[in-house]
PDB file of N, CA and C in Angstrom:
ATOM      1  N   MET A   1      -7.379 -23.266  -1.359  1.00  0.00           N
ATOM      2  CA  MET A   1      -8.647 -23.656  -1.177  1.00  0.00           C
ATOM      3  C   MET A   1      -9.588 -22.671  -0.573  1.00  0.00           C
ATOM      4  N   ASP A   2     -10.743 -22.328  -1.124  1.00  0.00           N
ATOM      5  CA  ASP A   2     -11.507 -21.388  -0.547  1.00  0.00           C
ATOM      6  C   ASP A   2     -12.206 -21.764   0.957  1.00  0.00           C
ATOM      7  N   ASN A   3     -12.441 -20.496   1.783  1.00  0.00           N
ATOM      8  CA  ASN A   3     -13.088 -20.920   2.901  1.00  0.00           C
ATOM      9  C   ASN A   3     -14.426 -20.864   2.753  1.00  0.00           C
ATOM     10  N   VAL A   4     -15.332 -20.962   3.953  1.00  0.00           N
ATOM     11  CA  VAL A   4     -16.833 -21.047   3.563  1.00  0.00           C
ATOM     12  C   VAL A   4     -17.423 -19.743   3.157  1.00  0.00           C
ATOM     13  N   ARG A   5     -16.497 -18.749   3.334  1.00  0.00           N
ATOM     14  CA  ARG A   5     -17.298 -17.343   2.996  1.00  0.00           C
ATOM     15  C   ARG A   5     -16.815 -16.943   1.377  1.00  0.00           C
ATOM     16  N   GLY A   6     -16.182 -17.858   0.957  1.00  0.00           N
ATOM     17  CA  GLY A   6     -15.728 -17.801  -0.547  1.00  0.00           C
ATOM     18  C   GLY A   6     -14.371 -16.997  -0.831  1.00  0.00           C
ATOM     19  N   ARG A   7     -13.768 -16.621   0.324  1.00  0.00           N
ATOM     20  CA  ARG A   7     -12.468 -15.872   0.228  1.00  0.00           C
ATOM     21  C   ARG A   7     -11.308 -16.765   0.227  1.00  0.00           C
ATOM     22  N   PRO A   8     -10.105 -16.462  -0.267  1.00  0.00           N
ATOM     23  CA  PRO A   8      -9.090 -17.550  -0.238  1.00  0.00           C
ATOM     24  C   PRO A   8      -8.637 -17.683   1.171  1.00  0.00           C
ATOM     25  N   SER A   9      -8.266 -18.597   1.606  1.00  0.00           N
ATOM     26  CA  SER A   9      -7.704 -19.056   2.951  1.00  0.00           C
ATOM     27  C   SER A   9      -6.454 -18.386   3.009  1.00  0.00           C
ATOM     28  N   THR A  10      -5.897 -17.987   4.114  1.00  0.00           N
ATOM     29  CA  THR A  10      -4.499 -17.453   4.185  1.00  0.00           C
ATOM     30  C   THR A  10      -3.475 -18.536   4.205  1.00  0.00           C
ATOM     31  N   THR A  11      -2.448 -18.202   3.410  1.00  0.00           N
ATOM     32  CA  THR A  11      -1.226 -19.190   3.461  1.00  0.00           C
ATOM     33  C   THR A  11      -0.283 -18.523   3.773  1.00  0.00           C
ATOM     34  N   ALA A  12       0.993 -19.208   3.993  1.00  0.00           N
ATOM     35  CA  ALA A  12       2.320 -18.727   4.326  1.00  0.00           C
ATOM     36  C   ALA A  12       2.762 -17.775   3.603  1.00  0.00           C
ATOM     37  N   ALA A  13       2.547 -17.628   2.272  1.00  0.00           N
ATOM     38  CA  ALA A  13       3.252 -16.718   1.432  1.00  0.00           C
ATOM     39  C   ALA A  13       2.444 -15.286   1.844  1.00  0.00           C
ATOM     40  N   THR A  14       1.397 -15.334   2.122  1.00  0.00           N
ATOM     41  CA  THR A  14       0.546 -14.061   2.359  1.00  0.00           C
ATOM     42  C   THR A  14       0.563 -13.624   3.704  1.00  0.00           C
ATOM     43  N   VAL A  15       1.127 -14.052   4.590  1.00  0.00           N
ATOM     44  CA  VAL A  15       1.024 -13.831   6.070  1.00  0.00           C
ATOM     45  C   VAL A  15       2.239 -12.781   6.291  1.00  0.00           C
ATOM     46  N   GLY A  16       3.472 -13.107   5.624  1.00  0.00           N
ATOM     47  CA  GLY A  16       4.459 -12.288   6.251  1.00  0.00           C
ATOM     48  C   GLY A  16       4.763 -11.235   5.562  1.00  0.00           C
ATOM     49  N   HIS A  17       4.078 -10.329   4.525  1.00  0.00           N
ATOM     50  CA  HIS A  17       4.012  -9.197   4.057  1.00  0.00           C
ATOM     51  C   HIS A  17       2.795  -8.374   4.353  1.00  0.00           C
ATOM     52  N   MET A  18       3.195  -7.275   4.862  1.00  0.00           N
ATOM     53  CA  MET A  18       2.111  -6.183   4.964  1.00  0.00           C
ATOM     54  C   MET A  18       2.553  -4.860   4.647  1.00  0.00           C
ATOM     55  N   THR A  19       2.005  -4.223   3.618  1.00  0.00           N
ATOM     56  CA  THR A  19       2.366  -2.968   3.174  1.00  0.00           C
ATOM     57  C   THR A  19       2.488  -1.966   4.261  1.00  0.00           C
ATOM     58  N   LYS A  20       3.538  -1.120   4.325  1.00  0.00           N
ATOM     59  CA  LYS A  20       3.845  -0.087   4.922  1.00  0.00           C
ATOM     60  C   LYS A  20       3.740   1.408   4.293  1.00  0.00           C
ATOM     61  N   TRP A  21       2.720   2.091   4.684  1.00  0.00           N
ATOM     62  CA  TRP A  21       2.567   3.392   4.033  1.00  0.00           C
ATOM     63  C   TRP A  21       3.067   4.693   4.767  1.00  0.00           C
ATOM     64  N   GLU A  22       3.132   5.804   3.909  1.00  0.00           N
ATOM     65  CA  GLU A  22       3.583   6.919   4.571  1.00  0.00           C
ATOM     66  C   GLU A  22       2.288   7.764   4.096  1.00  0.00           C
ATOM     67  N   TYR A  23       2.103   8.949   5.109  1.00  0.00           N
ATOM     68  CA  TYR A  23       0.926   9.638   4.498  1.00  0.00           C
ATOM     69  C   TYR A  23       1.312  11.165   4.552  1.00  0.00           C
ATOM     70  N   ALA A  24       0.439  11.854   3.953  1.00  0.00           N
ATOM     71  CA  ALA A  24       0.661  13.343   3.973  1.00  0.00           C
ATOM     72  C   ALA A  24      -0.687  14.106   3.893  1.00  0.00           C
ATOM     73  N   THR A  25      -0.787  15.297   4.394  1.00  0.00           N
ATOM     74  CA  THR A  25      -1.813  16.053   4.516  1.00  0.00           C
ATOM     75  C   THR A  25      -1.448  17.482   3.796  1.00  0.00           C
ATOM     76  N   VAL A  26      -2.363  17.644   2.789  1.00  0.00           N
ATOM     77  CA  VAL A  26      -2.098  18.844   1.757  1.00  0.00           C
ATOM     78  C   VAL A  26      -3.161  19.628   1.643  1.00  0.00           C
ATOM     79  N   PRO A  27      -3.081  21.098   2.043  1.00  0.00           N
ATOM     80  CA  PRO A  27      -4.018  21.825   1.783  1.00  0.00           C
ATOM     81  C   PRO A  27      -4.288  22.279   0.270  1.00  0.00           C
ATOM     82  N   LEU A  28      -5.537  22.066  -0.198  1.00  0.00           N
ATOM     83  CA  LEU A  28      -5.805  22.373  -1.572  1.00  0.00           C
ATOM     84  C   LEU A  28      -6.158  23.933  -2.009  1.00  0.00           C
ATOM     85  N   LEU A  29      -5.508  24.668  -2.810  1.00  0.00           N
ATOM     86  CA  LEU A  29      -6.102  25.922  -3.435  1.00  0.00           C
ATOM     87  C   LEU A  29      -7.228  25.515  -4.427  1.00  0.00           C
ATOM     88  N   VAL A  30      -8.272  26.286  -4.425  1.00  0.00           N
ATOM     89  CA  VAL A  30      -9.329  26.025  -5.081  1.00  0.00           C
ATOM     90  C   VAL A  30      -8.962  26.116  -6.619  1.00  0.00           C
ATOM     91  N   HIS A  31      -8.298  27.360  -6.747  1.00  0.00           N
ATOM     92  CA  HIS A  31      -7.925  27.725  -8.304  1.00  0.00           C
ATOM     93  C   HIS A  31      -6.635  26.713  -8.571  1.00  0.00           C
ATOM     94  N   ALA A  32      -6.048  25.821  -8.003  1.00  0.00           N
ATOM     95  CA  ALA A  32      -5.129  24.889  -8.458  1.00  0.00           C
ATOM     96  C   ALA A  32      -5.017  23.555  -8.067  1.00  0.00           C
ATOM     97  N   THR A  33      -6.371  23.133  -7.564  1.00  0.00           N
ATOM     98  CA  THR A  33      -6.535  21.786  -7.158  1.00  0.00           C
ATOM     99  C   THR A  33      -5.768  20.568  -8.047  1.00  0.00           C
ATOM    100  N   LYS A  34      -6.009  20.721  -9.141  1.00  0.00           N
ATOM    101  CA  LYS A  34      -5.631  19.701 -10.214  1.00  0.00           C
ATOM    102  C   LYS A  34      -4.238  19.881 -10.397  1.00  0.00           C
ATOM    103  N   GLN A  35      -3.669  20.891 -10.247  1.00  0.00           N
ATOM    104  CA  GLN A  35      -2.070  20.913 -10.458  1.00  0.00           C
ATOM    105  C   GLN A  35      -1.425  20.561  -9.170  1.00  0.00           C
ATOM    106  N   ILE A  36      -1.897  20.746  -8.077  1.00  0.00           N
ATOM    107  CA  ILE A  36      -1.529  20.158  -6.795  1.00  0.00           C
ATOM    108  C   ILE A  36      -1.472  18.611  -6.746  1.00  0.00           C
ATOM    109  N   LEU A  37      -2.541  18.316  -6.919  1.00  0.00           N
ATOM    110  CA  LEU A  37      -3.040  16.687  -7.022  1.00  0.00           C
ATOM    111  C   LEU A  37      -2.259  16.064  -8.034  1.00  0.00           C
ATOM    112  N   ASP A  38      -1.958  16.519  -9.228  1.00  0.00           N
ATOM    113  CA  ASP A  38      -1.080  16.097 -10.269  1.00  0.00           C
ATOM    114  C   ASP A  38       0.386  16.013  -9.887  1.00  0.00           C
ATOM    115  N   THR A  39       0.830  17.123  -9.281  1.00  0.00           N
ATOM    116  CA  THR A  39       2.242  17.205  -8.880  1.00  0.00           C
ATOM    117  C   THR A  39       2.582  16.128  -7.584  1.00  0.00           C
ATOM    118  N   TRP A  40       1.476  15.835  -6.753  1.00  0.00           N
ATOM    119  CA  TRP A  40       1.883  14.793  -5.706  1.00  0.00           C
ATOM    120  C   TRP A  40       1.647  13.573  -6.485  1.00  0.00           C
ATOM    121  N   GLY A  41       0.621  13.355  -7.379  1.00  0.00           N
ATOM    122  CA  GLY A  41       0.653  12.011  -7.960  1.00  0.00           C
ATOM    123  C   GLY A  41       1.833  11.579  -8.810  1.00  0.00           C
ATOM    124  N   GLU A  42       2.510  12.527  -9.499  1.00  0.00           N
ATOM    125  CA  GLU A  42       3.833  12.386 -10.214  1.00  0.00           C
ATOM    126  C   GLU A  42       4.708  11.710  -9.204  1.00  0.00           C
ATOM    127  N   ASP A  43       4.784  12.077  -7.859  1.00  0.00           N
ATOM    128  CA  ASP A  43       5.779  11.629  -7.040  1.00  0.00           C
ATOM    129  C   ASP A  43       5.254  10.362  -6.309  1.00  0.00           C
ATOM    130  N   GLY A  44       4.131   9.848  -7.002  1.00  0.00           N
ATOM    131  CA  GLY A  44       3.824   8.545  -6.135  1.00  0.00           C
ATOM    132  C   GLY A  44       2.834   8.404  -5.259  1.00  0.00           C
ATOM    133  N   TRP A  45       2.437   9.710  -4.991  1.00  0.00           N
ATOM    134  CA  TRP A  45       1.295   9.606  -3.885  1.00  0.00           C
ATOM    135  C   TRP A  45      -0.205   9.453  -4.507  1.00  0.00           C
ATOM    136  N   GLU A  46      -1.106   8.616  -3.855  1.00  0.00           N
ATOM    137  CA  GLU A  46      -2.449   8.374  -3.946  1.00  0.00           C
ATOM    138  C   GLU A  46      -3.236   9.235  -3.181  1.00  0.00           C
ATOM    139  N   LEU A  47      -4.093   9.824  -3.746  1.00  0.00           N
ATOM    140  CA  LEU A  47      -5.458  10.291  -2.852  1.00  0.00           C
ATOM    141  C   LEU A  47      -6.159   9.584  -2.355  1.00  0.00           C
ATOM    142  N   VAL A  48      -6.388   9.692  -1.139  1.00  0.00           N
ATOM    143  CA  VAL A  48      -7.248   8.830  -0.222  1.00  0.00           C
ATOM    144  C   VAL A  48      -8.495   9.592  -0.012  1.00  0.00           C
ATOM    145  N   GLN A  49      -8.361  10.982   0.422  1.00  0.00           N
ATOM    146  CA  GLN A  49      -9.749  11.790   0.672  1.00  0.00           C
ATOM    147  C   GLN A  49      -9.483  13.014   0.833  1.00  0.00           C
ATOM    148  N   VAL A  50     -10.520  13.747   0.236  1.00  0.00           N
ATOM    149  CA  VAL A  50     -10.545  15.259   0.380  1.00  0.00           C
ATOM    150  C   VAL A  50     -11.526  15.640   1.528  1.00  0.00           C
ATOM    151  N   VAL A  51     -11.389  16.387   2.321  1.00  0.00           N
ATOM    152  CA  VAL A  51     -12.396  16.857   3.483  1.00  0.00           C
ATOM    153  C   VAL A  51     -12.083  18.266   3.604  1.00  0.00           C
ATOM    154  N   PRO A  52     -13.260  19.137   4.206  1.00  0.00           N
ATOM    155  CA  PRO A  52     -13.127  20.627   4.501  1.00  0.00           C
ATOM    156  C   PRO A  52     -11.963  20.640   5.733  1.00  0.00           C
ATOM    157  N   GLY A  53     -11.270  21.787   5.633  1.00  0.00           N
ATOM    158  CA  GLY A  53     -10.273  22.182   6.601  1.00  0.00           C
ATOM    159  C   GLY A  53     -11.102  22.146   8.016  1.00  0.00           C
ATOM    160  N   PRO A  54     -10.019  22.054   9.251  1.00  0.00           N
ATOM    161  CA  PRO A  54     -10.724  22.143  10.495  1.00  0.00           C
ATOM    162  C   PRO A  54     -11.052  23.482  10.822  1.00  0.00           C
ATOM    163  N   ASN A  55     -10.495  24.499  10.310  1.00  0.00           N
ATOM    164  CA  ASN A  55     -10.592  25.760  10.813  1.00  0.00           C
ATOM    165  C   ASN A  55     -11.413  26.521   9.817  1.00  0.00           C
ATOM    166  N   ASN A  56     -11.696  26.220   8.661  1.00  0.00           N
ATOM    167  CA  ASN A  56     -12.452  26.962   7.366  1.00  0.00           C
ATOM    168  C   ASN A  56     -12.732  25.613   6.397  1.00  0.00           C
ATOM    169  N   PRO A  57     -14.129  25.430   6.682  1.00  0.00           N
ATOM    170  CA  PRO A  57     -14.835  24.421   5.784  1.00  0.00           C
ATOM    171  C   PRO A  57     -14.644  24.755   4.421  1.00  0.00           C
ATOM    172  N   GLU A  58     -14.308  25.845   4.182  1.00  0.00           N
ATOM    173  CA  GLU A  58     -14.064  26.507   2.507  1.00  0.00           C
ATOM    174  C   GLU A  58     -12.735  25.821   2.041  1.00  0.00           C
ATOM    175  N   GLN A  59     -11.936  25.855   2.871  1.00  0.00           N
ATOM    176  CA  GLN A  59     -10.510  25.235   2.500  1.00  0.00           C
ATOM    177  C   GLN A  59     -10.520  23.792   2.792  1.00  0.00           C
ATOM    178  N   LEU A  60     -10.179  23.293   1.565  1.00  0.00           N
ATOM    179  CA  LEU A  60     -10.254  21.763   1.554  1.00  0.00           C
ATOM    180  C   LEU A  60      -8.822  21.391   1.900  1.00  0.00           C
ATOM    181  N   VAL A  61      -8.726  19.890   2.218  1.00  0.00           N
ATOM    182  CA  VAL A  61      -7.533  19.254   2.848  1.00  0.00           C
ATOM    183  C   VAL A  61      -7.466  17.922   1.978  1.00  0.00           C
ATOM    184  N   ALA A  62      -6.196  17.605   1.359  1.00  0.00           N
ATOM    185  CA  ALA A  62      -6.282  16.120   0.789  1.00  0.00           C
ATOM    186  C   ALA A  62      -5.351  15.355   1.654  1.00  0.00           C
ATOM    187  N   TYR A  63      -5.729  14.248   1.940  1.00  0.00           N
ATOM    188  CA  TYR A  63      -4.977  13.067   2.414  1.00  0.00           C
ATOM    189  C   TYR A  63      -4.636  12.167   1.627  1.00  0.00           C
ATOM    190  N   LEU A  64      -3.357  11.936   1.475  1.00  0.00           N
ATOM    191  CA  LEU A  64      -2.409  11.152   0.383  1.00  0.00           C
ATOM    192  C   LEU A  64      -1.827   9.933   1.151  1.00  0.00           C
ATOM    193  N   LYS A  65      -1.398   8.996   0.389  1.00  0.00           N
ATOM    194  CA  LYS A  65      -0.537   7.862   0.830  1.00  0.00           C
ATOM    195  C   LYS A  65       0.153   7.363  -0.093  1.00  0.00           C
ATOM    196  N   ARG A  66       1.464   6.754   0.148  1.00  0.00           N
ATOM    197  CA  ARG A  66       2.303   6.047  -0.928  1.00  0.00           C
ATOM    198  C   ARG A  66       2.776   5.096  -0.243  1.00  0.00           C
ATOM    199  N   GLU A  67       3.246   3.980  -0.940  1.00  0.00           N
ATOM    200  CA  GLU A  67       4.088   2.844  -0.301  1.00  0.00           C
ATOM    201  C   GLU A  67       5.314   3.269   0.320  1.00  0.00           C
ATOM    202  N   ARG A  68       5.662   2.946   1.526  1.00  0.00           N
ATOM    203  CA  ARG A  68       6.913   3.362   2.072  1.00  0.00           C
ATOM    204  C   ARG A  68       8.241   2.510   1.505  1.00  0.00           C
ATOM    205  N   GLN A  69       9.195   3.230   1.030  1.00  0.00           N
ATOM    206  CA  GLN A  69      10.409   2.577   0.733  1.00  0.00           C
ATOM    207  C   GLN A  69      11.089   1.869   1.645  1.00  0.00           C
ATOM    208  N   ALA A  70      11.737   0.880   1.431  1.00  0.00           N
ATOM    209  CA  ALA A  70      12.662  -0.079   2.404  1.00  0.00           C
ATOM    210  C   ALA A  70      13.878   0.733   2.772  1.00  0.00           C
TER     211      ALA A  70
END
């Protein structure tokens, strides 16, 4: 049954599972960005965000995540 906001109500089946993630921070080389991201993607990593580096805004840093294996 839906609640008043139109979202499904929580059931016992959905309460017990919470996905656990592991994260990686990866510097991106401008000339090899696609290759770097493709390599991490083949290992199951999902790109979350790309931001400027803390010490050099021209150096990009990728934040990635993947589901942690039990």
